[in-house]
Amino acid sequence: MTLDQTENTKTAEDFSVMAAQIAGAHGVSGNLRLRLIGANPEVTARTFQPGQIVVLRKEGDDAGRQLTVQSVRKQSQPKGAWIARFKEVNDRNEAEALFGHAIFIRETERPSLPEGEFYVDQLIGLSIVTDAGRALGKLTDVLNTPANDVYVTDKNALIPAVSEFVLSVDVPGGVITVRDVPGLLD
C-alpha cells in the first residue's frame, strides 16, 4: 500500500506496529539486514510490499522517517536473515547509520493469523490467571526458545506457551488462563 498526497500528511502515529529492526548494512548499495519481529518471519516478511510506505524510528523518536519499500528477500546465510531495499537509502554509509532503528507498519497492513495465533504485542499486558483463580501477574515478554515460546510475567513466572499449559487466550477480555500445575509456578 502506498501513500497518496493526502495521506502523506498523516503522522507516524498511524504506523503503530513494529515489524522489524535494522540489524546492519548489507553490501555497498544501501541494502539493510533486518531482524523481523514475530513468531513467524515468513508471515512478517509478507507485510513488506514494493511501493509500501513504512516508518523508521529509533528509540525516543516519535516522528520517525518514512521510507518506501523496494524489495525484501530472505538471505540463505546467515540462517534467518532478511535483506531489504528502500528507495531513500542509497549507500552503505546511510544504511549503517540506521542500525538499531525499528520499522513500523500500519495495524491494517499486518497479515491475519490463523485462529488461536496472536502477535506478541496483542498479548503483552494481558493478565495471566490459573484455572484455579490464582493471579500470576501481567504478561511482560514472550521468549522465543527452540522448543516453544515462553510467557514471562511481571512476577517472574515463566510459562511454556503450549496447549498443555495455556488453556485459553482472551485478547478482548485481557486474560490468559493457564493450567495450575503444582510446582511449575512456585
N, C-alpha and C. Protein backbone atom coordinates (compact mmCIF):
# COMPACT_ATOMS: atom_id res chain seq x y z
N MET A 1 0.85 -1.17 0.00
CA MET A 1 0.00 0.00 0.00
C MET A 1 0.89 1.23 0.00
N THR A 2 0.61 2.18 -0.86
CA THR A 2 1.39 3.41 -0.90
C THR A 2 0.55 4.57 -0.41
N LEU A 3 1.22 5.61 0.02
CA LEU A 3 0.52 6.80 0.49
C LEU A 3 0.27 7.73 -0.68
N ASP A 4 -0.94 8.26 -0.80
CA ASP A 4 -1.15 9.30 -1.80
C ASP A 4 -0.87 10.64 -1.14
N GLN A 5 -1.01 11.73 -1.88
CA GLN A 5 -0.64 13.05 -1.36
C GLN A 5 -1.38 13.40 -0.08
N THR A 6 -2.67 13.09 0.02
CA THR A 6 -3.41 13.45 1.23
C THR A 6 -2.97 12.61 2.42
N GLU A 7 -2.66 11.35 2.19
CA GLU A 7 -2.21 10.50 3.28
C GLU A 7 -0.81 10.87 3.75
N ASN A 8 -0.02 11.48 2.86
CA ASN A 8 1.36 11.81 3.18
C ASN A 8 1.46 12.80 4.33
N THR A 9 0.38 13.50 4.64
CA THR A 9 0.40 14.47 5.73
C THR A 9 0.12 13.82 7.08
N LYS A 10 -0.25 12.55 7.09
CA LYS A 10 -0.53 11.86 8.36
C LYS A 10 0.77 11.69 9.14
N THR A 11 0.64 11.60 10.44
CA THR A 11 1.81 11.46 11.30
C THR A 11 2.24 10.01 11.39
N ALA A 12 3.42 9.83 11.95
CA ALA A 12 3.95 8.48 12.14
C ALA A 12 3.13 7.69 13.14
N GLU A 13 2.21 8.35 13.87
CA GLU A 13 1.37 7.64 14.84
C GLU A 13 0.50 6.59 14.16
N ASP A 14 0.19 6.78 12.87
CA ASP A 14 -0.59 5.79 12.14
C ASP A 14 0.16 4.47 12.01
N PHE A 15 1.46 4.52 12.15
CA PHE A 15 2.32 3.36 11.99
C PHE A 15 2.68 2.86 13.39
N SER A 16 1.84 1.99 13.95
CA SER A 16 1.97 1.61 15.36
C SER A 16 2.52 0.21 15.58
N VAL A 17 2.69 -0.58 14.52
CA VAL A 17 3.11 -1.97 14.69
C VAL A 17 4.57 -2.12 14.27
N MET A 18 5.42 -2.51 15.23
CA MET A 18 6.82 -2.75 14.89
C MET A 18 6.92 -4.08 14.15
N ALA A 19 7.45 -4.03 12.93
CA ALA A 19 7.55 -5.24 12.10
C ALA A 19 8.97 -5.77 12.00
N ALA A 20 9.97 -4.89 12.22
CA ALA A 20 11.36 -5.32 12.06
C ALA A 20 12.29 -4.34 12.76
N GLN A 21 13.51 -4.82 13.00
CA GLN A 21 14.58 -3.96 13.47
C GLN A 21 15.73 -4.07 12.49
N ILE A 22 16.44 -2.98 12.29
CA ILE A 22 17.57 -2.99 11.37
C ILE A 22 18.78 -3.56 12.10
N ALA A 23 19.31 -4.65 11.55
CA ALA A 23 20.43 -5.36 12.17
C ALA A 23 21.77 -4.96 11.58
N GLY A 24 21.76 -4.18 10.49
CA GLY A 24 23.01 -3.74 9.90
C GLY A 24 22.88 -3.49 8.41
N ALA A 25 24.00 -3.08 7.83
CA ALA A 25 24.06 -2.85 6.38
C ALA A 25 24.41 -4.15 5.68
N HIS A 26 24.04 -4.24 4.41
CA HIS A 26 24.37 -5.42 3.60
C HIS A 26 24.86 -4.92 2.24
N GLY A 27 26.12 -5.14 1.95
CA GLY A 27 26.67 -4.68 0.68
C GLY A 27 26.95 -3.18 0.70
N VAL A 28 27.16 -2.61 -0.50
CA VAL A 28 27.56 -1.20 -0.60
C VAL A 28 26.47 -0.29 -1.15
N SER A 29 25.35 -0.86 -1.59
CA SER A 29 24.35 -0.04 -2.28
C SER A 29 23.17 0.39 -1.40
N GLY A 30 23.28 0.23 -0.08
CA GLY A 30 22.22 0.70 0.80
C GLY A 30 21.25 -0.36 1.27
N ASN A 31 21.50 -1.62 0.94
CA ASN A 31 20.63 -2.68 1.44
C ASN A 31 20.79 -2.82 2.95
N LEU A 32 19.73 -3.27 3.61
CA LEU A 32 19.71 -3.41 5.06
C LEU A 32 19.40 -4.83 5.48
N ARG A 33 20.10 -5.32 6.51
CA ARG A 33 19.76 -6.60 7.11
C ARG A 33 18.69 -6.34 8.15
N LEU A 34 17.62 -7.13 8.12
CA LEU A 34 16.51 -6.95 9.05
C LEU A 34 16.40 -8.13 10.00
N ARG A 35 15.96 -7.84 11.22
CA ARG A 35 15.51 -8.88 12.15
C ARG A 35 14.01 -8.69 12.24
N LEU A 36 13.28 -9.61 11.63
CA LEU A 36 11.82 -9.49 11.58
C LEU A 36 11.23 -9.84 12.94
N ILE A 37 10.19 -9.09 13.33
CA ILE A 37 9.54 -9.28 14.61
C ILE A 37 8.35 -10.22 14.42
N GLY A 38 8.21 -11.19 15.30
CA GLY A 38 7.09 -12.10 15.23
C GLY A 38 7.56 -13.53 15.25
N ALA A 39 6.66 -14.41 15.64
CA ALA A 39 7.00 -15.82 15.76
C ALA A 39 7.28 -16.46 14.41
N ASN A 40 6.69 -15.92 13.35
CA ASN A 40 6.86 -16.50 12.02
C ASN A 40 7.39 -15.44 11.06
N PRO A 41 8.72 -15.38 10.86
CA PRO A 41 9.29 -14.37 9.98
C PRO A 41 8.75 -14.40 8.55
N GLU A 42 8.36 -15.58 8.07
CA GLU A 42 7.80 -15.68 6.72
C GLU A 42 6.52 -14.86 6.61
N VAL A 43 5.69 -14.90 7.65
CA VAL A 43 4.45 -14.12 7.66
C VAL A 43 4.78 -12.63 7.73
N THR A 44 5.71 -12.27 8.63
CA THR A 44 6.10 -10.86 8.76
C THR A 44 6.66 -10.33 7.45
N ALA A 45 7.47 -11.12 6.76
CA ALA A 45 8.07 -10.67 5.50
C ALA A 45 7.01 -10.34 4.46
N ARG A 46 5.88 -11.04 4.49
CA ARG A 46 4.81 -10.77 3.53
C ARG A 46 4.17 -9.40 3.73
N THR A 47 4.42 -8.77 4.90
CA THR A 47 3.84 -7.45 5.12
C THR A 47 4.52 -6.39 4.26
N PHE A 48 5.75 -6.64 3.85
CA PHE A 48 6.50 -5.65 3.07
C PHE A 48 6.27 -5.87 1.58
N GLN A 49 5.65 -4.89 0.94
CA GLN A 49 5.35 -4.97 -0.49
C GLN A 49 6.02 -3.79 -1.21
N PRO A 50 6.51 -4.00 -2.44
CA PRO A 50 7.11 -2.88 -3.18
C PRO A 50 6.14 -1.70 -3.27
N GLY A 51 6.66 -0.51 -2.99
CA GLY A 51 5.85 0.70 -3.02
C GLY A 51 5.21 1.04 -1.69
N GLN A 52 5.22 0.11 -0.75
CA GLN A 52 4.62 0.34 0.57
C GLN A 52 5.44 1.37 1.35
N ILE A 53 4.75 2.22 2.07
CA ILE A 53 5.39 3.19 2.95
C ILE A 53 5.46 2.60 4.35
N VAL A 54 6.64 2.69 4.96
CA VAL A 54 6.84 2.27 6.35
C VAL A 54 7.45 3.46 7.08
N VAL A 55 7.47 3.39 8.40
CA VAL A 55 8.10 4.45 9.19
C VAL A 55 9.26 3.85 9.97
N LEU A 56 10.38 4.54 9.89
CA LEU A 56 11.59 4.14 10.58
C LEU A 56 11.75 5.03 11.81
N ARG A 57 11.91 4.42 12.98
CA ARG A 57 12.09 5.19 14.21
C ARG A 57 13.20 4.58 15.04
N LYS A 58 13.89 5.45 15.75
CA LYS A 58 14.78 4.92 16.78
C LYS A 58 14.18 5.30 18.12
N GLU A 59 14.60 4.63 19.17
CA GLU A 59 14.01 4.84 20.49
C GLU A 59 14.03 6.32 20.86
N GLY A 60 12.89 6.82 21.31
CA GLY A 60 12.77 8.21 21.72
C GLY A 60 12.39 9.15 20.59
N ASP A 61 12.29 8.64 19.37
CA ASP A 61 11.93 9.46 18.21
C ASP A 61 10.47 9.19 17.87
N ASP A 62 9.60 10.12 18.20
CA ASP A 62 8.17 9.92 17.96
C ASP A 62 7.79 10.10 16.50
N ALA A 63 8.44 11.03 15.81
CA ALA A 63 8.04 11.35 14.44
C ALA A 63 8.47 10.27 13.45
N GLY A 64 9.73 9.90 13.48
CA GLY A 64 10.22 8.90 12.56
C GLY A 64 10.46 9.45 11.17
N ARG A 65 10.80 8.55 10.27
CA ARG A 65 11.12 8.89 8.88
C ARG A 65 10.41 7.89 7.98
N GLN A 66 9.72 8.39 6.97
CA GLN A 66 9.02 7.50 6.05
C GLN A 66 9.99 6.97 5.00
N LEU A 67 9.88 5.67 4.73
CA LEU A 67 10.67 5.01 3.70
C LEU A 67 9.74 4.24 2.78
N THR A 68 10.17 4.07 1.54
CA THR A 68 9.39 3.32 0.55
C THR A 68 10.07 1.98 0.28
N VAL A 69 9.36 0.89 0.50
CA VAL A 69 9.90 -0.45 0.28
C VAL A 69 10.11 -0.68 -1.22
N GLN A 70 11.31 -1.15 -1.57
CA GLN A 70 11.55 -1.59 -2.94
C GLN A 70 11.52 -3.12 -3.01
N SER A 71 12.15 -3.77 -2.02
CA SER A 71 12.12 -5.24 -2.00
C SER A 71 12.53 -5.76 -0.63
N VAL A 72 12.10 -6.98 -0.33
CA VAL A 72 12.54 -7.71 0.85
C VAL A 72 12.72 -9.15 0.42
N ARG A 73 13.87 -9.73 0.76
CA ARG A 73 14.14 -11.11 0.37
C ARG A 73 14.86 -11.83 1.50
N LYS A 74 14.70 -13.14 1.51
CA LYS A 74 15.37 -13.97 2.50
C LYS A 74 16.78 -14.26 2.02
N GLN A 75 17.74 -14.15 2.93
CA GLN A 75 19.12 -14.47 2.61
C GLN A 75 19.41 -15.88 3.11
N SER A 76 20.13 -16.66 2.32
CA SER A 76 20.38 -18.04 2.71
C SER A 76 21.30 -18.15 3.92
N GLN A 77 22.31 -17.30 4.02
CA GLN A 77 23.23 -17.32 5.16
C GLN A 77 23.46 -15.91 5.65
N PRO A 78 23.48 -15.57 6.90
CA PRO A 78 23.19 -16.50 7.98
C PRO A 78 21.71 -16.86 8.01
N LYS A 79 21.43 -18.02 8.56
CA LYS A 79 20.06 -18.52 8.59
C LYS A 79 19.13 -17.50 9.25
N GLY A 80 18.01 -17.28 8.60
CA GLY A 80 17.01 -16.38 9.16
C GLY A 80 17.20 -14.91 8.86
N ALA A 81 18.23 -14.57 8.09
CA ALA A 81 18.47 -13.15 7.78
C ALA A 81 17.59 -12.71 6.61
N TRP A 82 17.15 -11.47 6.67
CA TRP A 82 16.33 -10.88 5.62
C TRP A 82 17.00 -9.60 5.15
N ILE A 83 16.95 -9.36 3.85
CA ILE A 83 17.58 -8.19 3.25
C ILE A 83 16.49 -7.31 2.65
N ALA A 84 16.54 -6.03 2.99
CA ALA A 84 15.54 -5.08 2.48
C ALA A 84 16.23 -3.97 1.71
N ARG A 85 15.50 -3.46 0.74
CA ARG A 85 15.96 -2.31 -0.05
C ARG A 85 14.87 -1.26 0.03
N PHE A 86 15.27 -0.02 0.37
CA PHE A 86 14.34 1.10 0.45
C PHE A 86 14.80 2.19 -0.52
N LYS A 87 13.85 2.82 -1.17
CA LYS A 87 14.12 3.84 -2.18
C LYS A 87 15.03 4.96 -1.65
N GLU A 88 14.85 5.34 -0.39
CA GLU A 88 15.53 6.50 0.17
C GLU A 88 16.92 6.21 0.74
N VAL A 89 17.33 4.95 0.77
CA VAL A 89 18.64 4.58 1.32
C VAL A 89 19.50 4.08 0.16
N ASN A 90 20.55 4.86 -0.18
CA ASN A 90 21.27 4.61 -1.43
C ASN A 90 22.72 4.17 -1.29
N ASP A 91 23.28 4.16 -0.09
CA ASP A 91 24.65 3.68 0.03
C ASP A 91 24.89 3.07 1.41
N ARG A 92 26.03 2.44 1.55
CA ARG A 92 26.34 1.73 2.79
C ARG A 92 26.38 2.66 4.00
N ASN A 93 26.92 3.88 3.83
CA ASN A 93 27.00 4.82 4.95
C ASN A 93 25.61 5.15 5.49
N GLU A 94 24.67 5.40 4.58
CA GLU A 94 23.29 5.67 5.01
C GLU A 94 22.72 4.44 5.73
N ALA A 95 22.98 3.26 5.18
CA ALA A 95 22.46 2.03 5.77
C ALA A 95 23.05 1.80 7.17
N GLU A 96 24.35 2.00 7.32
CA GLU A 96 24.99 1.80 8.62
C GLU A 96 24.45 2.75 9.68
N ALA A 97 24.10 3.96 9.28
CA ALA A 97 23.56 4.95 10.22
C ALA A 97 22.19 4.54 10.77
N LEU A 98 21.53 3.59 10.12
CA LEU A 98 20.19 3.17 10.54
C LEU A 98 20.19 1.96 11.46
N PHE A 99 21.39 1.44 11.78
CA PHE A 99 21.49 0.28 12.66
C PHE A 99 20.72 0.53 13.96
N GLY A 100 19.90 -0.44 14.37
CA GLY A 100 19.15 -0.34 15.62
C GLY A 100 17.80 0.33 15.50
N HIS A 101 17.53 0.98 14.38
CA HIS A 101 16.21 1.60 14.19
C HIS A 101 15.16 0.50 14.02
N ALA A 102 13.93 0.83 14.34
CA ALA A 102 12.81 -0.10 14.16
C ALA A 102 11.96 0.35 12.98
N ILE A 103 11.37 -0.61 12.29
CA ILE A 103 10.49 -0.34 11.15
C ILE A 103 9.06 -0.63 11.59
N PHE A 104 8.20 0.37 11.39
CA PHE A 104 6.80 0.27 11.80
C PHE A 104 5.88 0.27 10.58
N ILE A 105 4.81 -0.51 10.68
CA ILE A 105 3.78 -0.55 9.66
C ILE A 105 2.45 -0.20 10.31
N ARG A 106 1.43 -0.02 9.47
CA ARG A 106 0.08 0.23 10.00
C ARG A 106 -0.53 -1.09 10.49
N GLU A 107 -1.38 -0.99 11.49
CA GLU A 107 -2.10 -2.17 12.00
C GLU A 107 -2.84 -2.88 10.87
N THR A 108 -3.42 -2.13 9.95
CA THR A 108 -4.21 -2.71 8.86
C THR A 108 -3.35 -3.46 7.85
N GLU A 109 -2.03 -3.26 7.88
CA GLU A 109 -1.14 -3.95 6.94
C GLU A 109 -0.59 -5.26 7.50
N ARG A 110 -0.88 -5.52 8.74
CA ARG A 110 -0.39 -6.74 9.37
C ARG A 110 -1.21 -7.92 8.85
N PRO A 111 -0.55 -9.01 8.43
CA PRO A 111 -1.30 -10.17 7.95
C PRO A 111 -2.14 -10.80 9.06
N SER A 112 -3.32 -11.31 8.69
CA SER A 112 -4.12 -12.01 9.69
C SER A 112 -3.47 -13.36 9.98
N LEU A 113 -3.67 -13.78 11.20
CA LEU A 113 -3.11 -15.05 11.65
C LEU A 113 -4.22 -16.09 11.75
N PRO A 114 -3.84 -17.37 11.70
CA PRO A 114 -4.84 -18.41 11.90
C PRO A 114 -5.47 -18.32 13.29
N GLU A 115 -6.64 -18.89 13.42
CA GLU A 115 -7.36 -18.93 14.70
C GLU A 115 -6.44 -19.48 15.79
N GLY A 116 -6.42 -18.82 16.93
CA GLY A 116 -5.62 -19.27 18.05
C GLY A 116 -4.19 -18.78 18.05
N GLU A 117 -3.77 -18.04 17.02
CA GLU A 117 -2.43 -17.45 17.00
C GLU A 117 -2.56 -15.95 17.18
N PHE A 118 -1.54 -15.37 17.84
CA PHE A 118 -1.59 -13.95 18.17
C PHE A 118 -0.23 -13.32 17.95
N TYR A 119 -0.24 -12.03 17.71
CA TYR A 119 1.00 -11.27 17.67
C TYR A 119 1.41 -10.96 19.11
N VAL A 120 2.70 -10.92 19.36
CA VAL A 120 3.21 -10.69 20.72
C VAL A 120 2.63 -9.41 21.31
N ASP A 121 2.58 -8.32 20.52
CA ASP A 121 2.09 -7.07 21.09
C ASP A 121 0.62 -7.14 21.48
N GLN A 122 -0.13 -8.11 20.94
CA GLN A 122 -1.52 -8.30 21.36
C GLN A 122 -1.59 -8.95 22.74
N LEU A 123 -0.53 -9.67 23.11
CA LEU A 123 -0.52 -10.41 24.37
C LEU A 123 0.10 -9.63 25.53
N ILE A 124 1.08 -8.78 25.22
CA ILE A 124 1.76 -8.02 26.27
C ILE A 124 0.73 -7.20 27.05
N GLY A 125 0.80 -7.31 28.36
CA GLY A 125 -0.12 -6.57 29.23
C GLY A 125 -1.34 -7.36 29.66
N LEU A 126 -1.59 -8.53 29.04
CA LEU A 126 -2.73 -9.34 29.46
C LEU A 126 -2.46 -9.94 30.85
N SER A 127 -3.51 -10.09 31.63
CA SER A 127 -3.40 -10.74 32.93
C SER A 127 -3.33 -12.24 32.72
N ILE A 128 -2.51 -12.90 33.53
CA ILE A 128 -2.43 -14.36 33.47
C ILE A 128 -2.96 -14.91 34.78
N VAL A 129 -3.94 -15.81 34.67
CA VAL A 129 -4.53 -16.45 35.84
C VAL A 129 -4.56 -17.96 35.61
N THR A 130 -4.57 -18.69 36.72
CA THR A 130 -4.68 -20.15 36.60
C THR A 130 -6.14 -20.54 36.57
N ASP A 131 -6.39 -21.78 36.17
CA ASP A 131 -7.76 -22.28 36.16
C ASP A 131 -8.31 -22.41 37.58
N ALA A 132 -7.44 -22.30 38.59
CA ALA A 132 -7.88 -22.30 39.99
C ALA A 132 -8.11 -20.87 40.50
N GLY A 133 -7.90 -19.89 39.63
CA GLY A 133 -8.16 -18.50 40.00
C GLY A 133 -6.98 -17.74 40.57
N ARG A 134 -5.80 -18.34 40.58
CA ARG A 134 -4.62 -17.68 41.13
C ARG A 134 -4.04 -16.70 40.11
N ALA A 135 -3.83 -15.44 40.52
CA ALA A 135 -3.26 -14.42 39.63
C ALA A 135 -1.75 -14.60 39.55
N LEU A 136 -1.23 -14.66 38.33
CA LEU A 136 0.21 -14.84 38.13
C LEU A 136 0.88 -13.57 37.63
N GLY A 137 0.11 -12.51 37.46
CA GLY A 137 0.68 -11.24 37.02
C GLY A 137 0.30 -10.90 35.59
N LYS A 138 0.95 -9.89 35.08
CA LYS A 138 0.71 -9.44 33.70
C LYS A 138 1.83 -9.94 32.81
N LEU A 139 1.49 -10.27 31.58
CA LEU A 139 2.49 -10.73 30.62
C LEU A 139 3.37 -9.55 30.22
N THR A 140 4.69 -9.70 30.41
CA THR A 140 5.62 -8.62 30.08
C THR A 140 6.51 -8.94 28.89
N ASP A 141 6.66 -10.23 28.58
CA ASP A 141 7.55 -10.60 27.48
C ASP A 141 7.19 -12.00 27.00
N VAL A 142 7.59 -12.30 25.78
CA VAL A 142 7.46 -13.65 25.24
C VAL A 142 8.84 -14.04 24.74
N LEU A 143 9.42 -15.07 25.35
CA LEU A 143 10.74 -15.55 24.95
C LEU A 143 10.58 -16.59 23.85
N ASN A 144 11.37 -16.45 22.80
CA ASN A 144 11.39 -17.46 21.74
C ASN A 144 12.49 -18.45 22.08
N THR A 145 12.11 -19.70 22.32
CA THR A 145 13.10 -20.75 22.59
C THR A 145 12.99 -21.79 21.49
N PRO A 146 14.00 -22.63 21.33
CA PRO A 146 13.93 -23.63 20.26
C PRO A 146 12.71 -24.55 20.36
N ALA A 147 12.30 -24.90 21.57
CA ALA A 147 11.18 -25.83 21.73
C ALA A 147 9.83 -25.14 21.58
N ASN A 148 9.66 -23.98 22.20
CA ASN A 148 8.38 -23.27 22.19
C ASN A 148 8.58 -21.88 22.78
N ASP A 149 7.59 -21.03 22.60
CA ASP A 149 7.63 -19.72 23.24
C ASP A 149 7.37 -19.89 24.73
N VAL A 150 7.85 -18.92 25.52
CA VAL A 150 7.64 -18.94 26.96
C VAL A 150 7.12 -17.57 27.37
N TYR A 151 6.00 -17.55 28.09
CA TYR A 151 5.43 -16.31 28.60
C TYR A 151 6.16 -15.91 29.88
N VAL A 152 6.47 -14.62 30.01
CA VAL A 152 7.12 -14.08 31.20
C VAL A 152 6.17 -13.07 31.82
N THR A 153 5.96 -13.18 33.14
CA THR A 153 5.07 -12.23 33.82
C THR A 153 5.88 -11.23 34.64
N ASP A 154 5.20 -10.18 35.07
CA ASP A 154 5.85 -9.17 35.91
C ASP A 154 6.19 -9.72 37.29
N LYS A 155 5.69 -10.90 37.62
CA LYS A 155 6.04 -11.57 38.88
C LYS A 155 7.09 -12.65 38.65
N ASN A 156 7.75 -12.59 37.50
CA ASN A 156 8.82 -13.51 37.12
C ASN A 156 8.40 -14.96 36.96
N ALA A 157 7.14 -15.21 36.70
CA ALA A 157 6.70 -16.56 36.39
C ALA A 157 7.04 -16.83 34.92
N LEU A 158 7.50 -18.03 34.64
CA LEU A 158 7.80 -18.47 33.28
C LEU A 158 6.82 -19.58 32.93
N ILE A 159 6.06 -19.38 31.86
CA ILE A 159 5.00 -20.33 31.50
C ILE A 159 5.20 -20.77 30.06
N PRO A 160 5.42 -22.06 29.82
CA PRO A 160 5.54 -22.53 28.44
C PRO A 160 4.25 -22.23 27.66
N ALA A 161 4.39 -21.64 26.51
CA ALA A 161 3.22 -21.27 25.70
C ALA A 161 2.82 -22.44 24.81
N VAL A 162 2.38 -23.50 25.46
CA VAL A 162 1.93 -24.71 24.76
C VAL A 162 0.57 -25.10 25.31
N SER A 163 -0.17 -25.87 24.52
CA SER A 163 -1.56 -26.20 24.88
C SER A 163 -1.67 -26.99 26.19
N GLU A 164 -0.63 -27.70 26.59
CA GLU A 164 -0.68 -28.43 27.87
C GLU A 164 -0.80 -27.47 29.05
N PHE A 165 -0.32 -26.25 28.89
CA PHE A 165 -0.35 -25.27 29.99
C PHE A 165 -1.31 -24.12 29.72
N VAL A 166 -1.34 -23.61 28.50
CA VAL A 166 -2.19 -22.46 28.18
C VAL A 166 -3.56 -22.99 27.76
N LEU A 167 -4.57 -22.70 28.57
CA LEU A 167 -5.92 -23.20 28.30
C LEU A 167 -6.71 -22.29 27.39
N SER A 168 -6.56 -20.97 27.57
CA SER A 168 -7.29 -20.04 26.70
C SER A 168 -6.60 -18.68 26.69
N VAL A 169 -6.78 -17.99 25.57
CA VAL A 169 -6.28 -16.62 25.42
C VAL A 169 -7.48 -15.78 24.99
N ASP A 170 -7.83 -14.82 25.83
CA ASP A 170 -8.96 -13.93 25.57
C ASP A 170 -8.41 -12.50 25.44
N VAL A 171 -7.99 -12.14 24.21
CA VAL A 171 -7.40 -10.82 23.99
C VAL A 171 -8.40 -9.71 24.32
N PRO A 172 -9.65 -9.77 23.79
CA PRO A 172 -10.59 -8.69 24.13
C PRO A 172 -10.86 -8.59 25.64
N GLY A 173 -10.88 -9.74 26.33
CA GLY A 173 -11.12 -9.75 27.77
C GLY A 173 -9.88 -9.46 28.60
N GLY A 174 -8.71 -9.50 27.95
CA GLY A 174 -7.46 -9.17 28.63
C GLY A 174 -6.92 -10.25 29.54
N VAL A 175 -7.26 -11.54 29.27
CA VAL A 175 -6.87 -12.62 30.19
C VAL A 175 -6.34 -13.83 29.43
N ILE A 176 -5.26 -14.38 29.97
CA ILE A 176 -4.75 -15.68 29.53
C ILE A 176 -4.95 -16.62 30.71
N THR A 177 -5.62 -17.76 30.47
CA THR A 177 -5.85 -18.74 31.53
C THR A 177 -4.90 -19.92 31.30
N VAL A 178 -4.18 -20.28 32.38
CA VAL A 178 -3.23 -21.39 32.29
C VAL A 178 -3.58 -22.46 33.31
N ARG A 179 -3.11 -23.66 33.05
CA ARG A 179 -3.34 -24.79 33.96
C ARG A 179 -2.53 -24.57 35.24
N ASP A 180 -3.13 -24.82 36.37
CA ASP A 180 -2.45 -24.69 37.66
C ASP A 180 -1.73 -26.01 37.95
N VAL A 181 -0.48 -26.09 37.54
CA VAL A 181 0.31 -27.31 37.71
C VAL A 181 1.17 -27.15 38.97
N PRO A 182 1.03 -28.05 39.95
CA PRO A 182 1.81 -27.94 41.18
C PRO A 182 3.32 -27.91 40.88
N GLY A 183 4.00 -26.92 41.50
CA GLY A 183 5.44 -26.82 41.34
C GLY A 183 5.91 -26.05 40.13
N LEU A 184 5.09 -25.97 39.11
CA LEU A 184 5.52 -25.28 37.89
C LEU A 184 5.73 -23.80 38.11
N LEU A 185 4.85 -23.19 38.87
CA LEU A 185 4.88 -21.74 39.01
C LEU A 185 5.29 -21.27 40.39
N ASP A 186 5.82 -22.17 41.23
CA ASP A 186 6.22 -21.77 42.58
C ASP A 186 7.65 -21.28 42.59
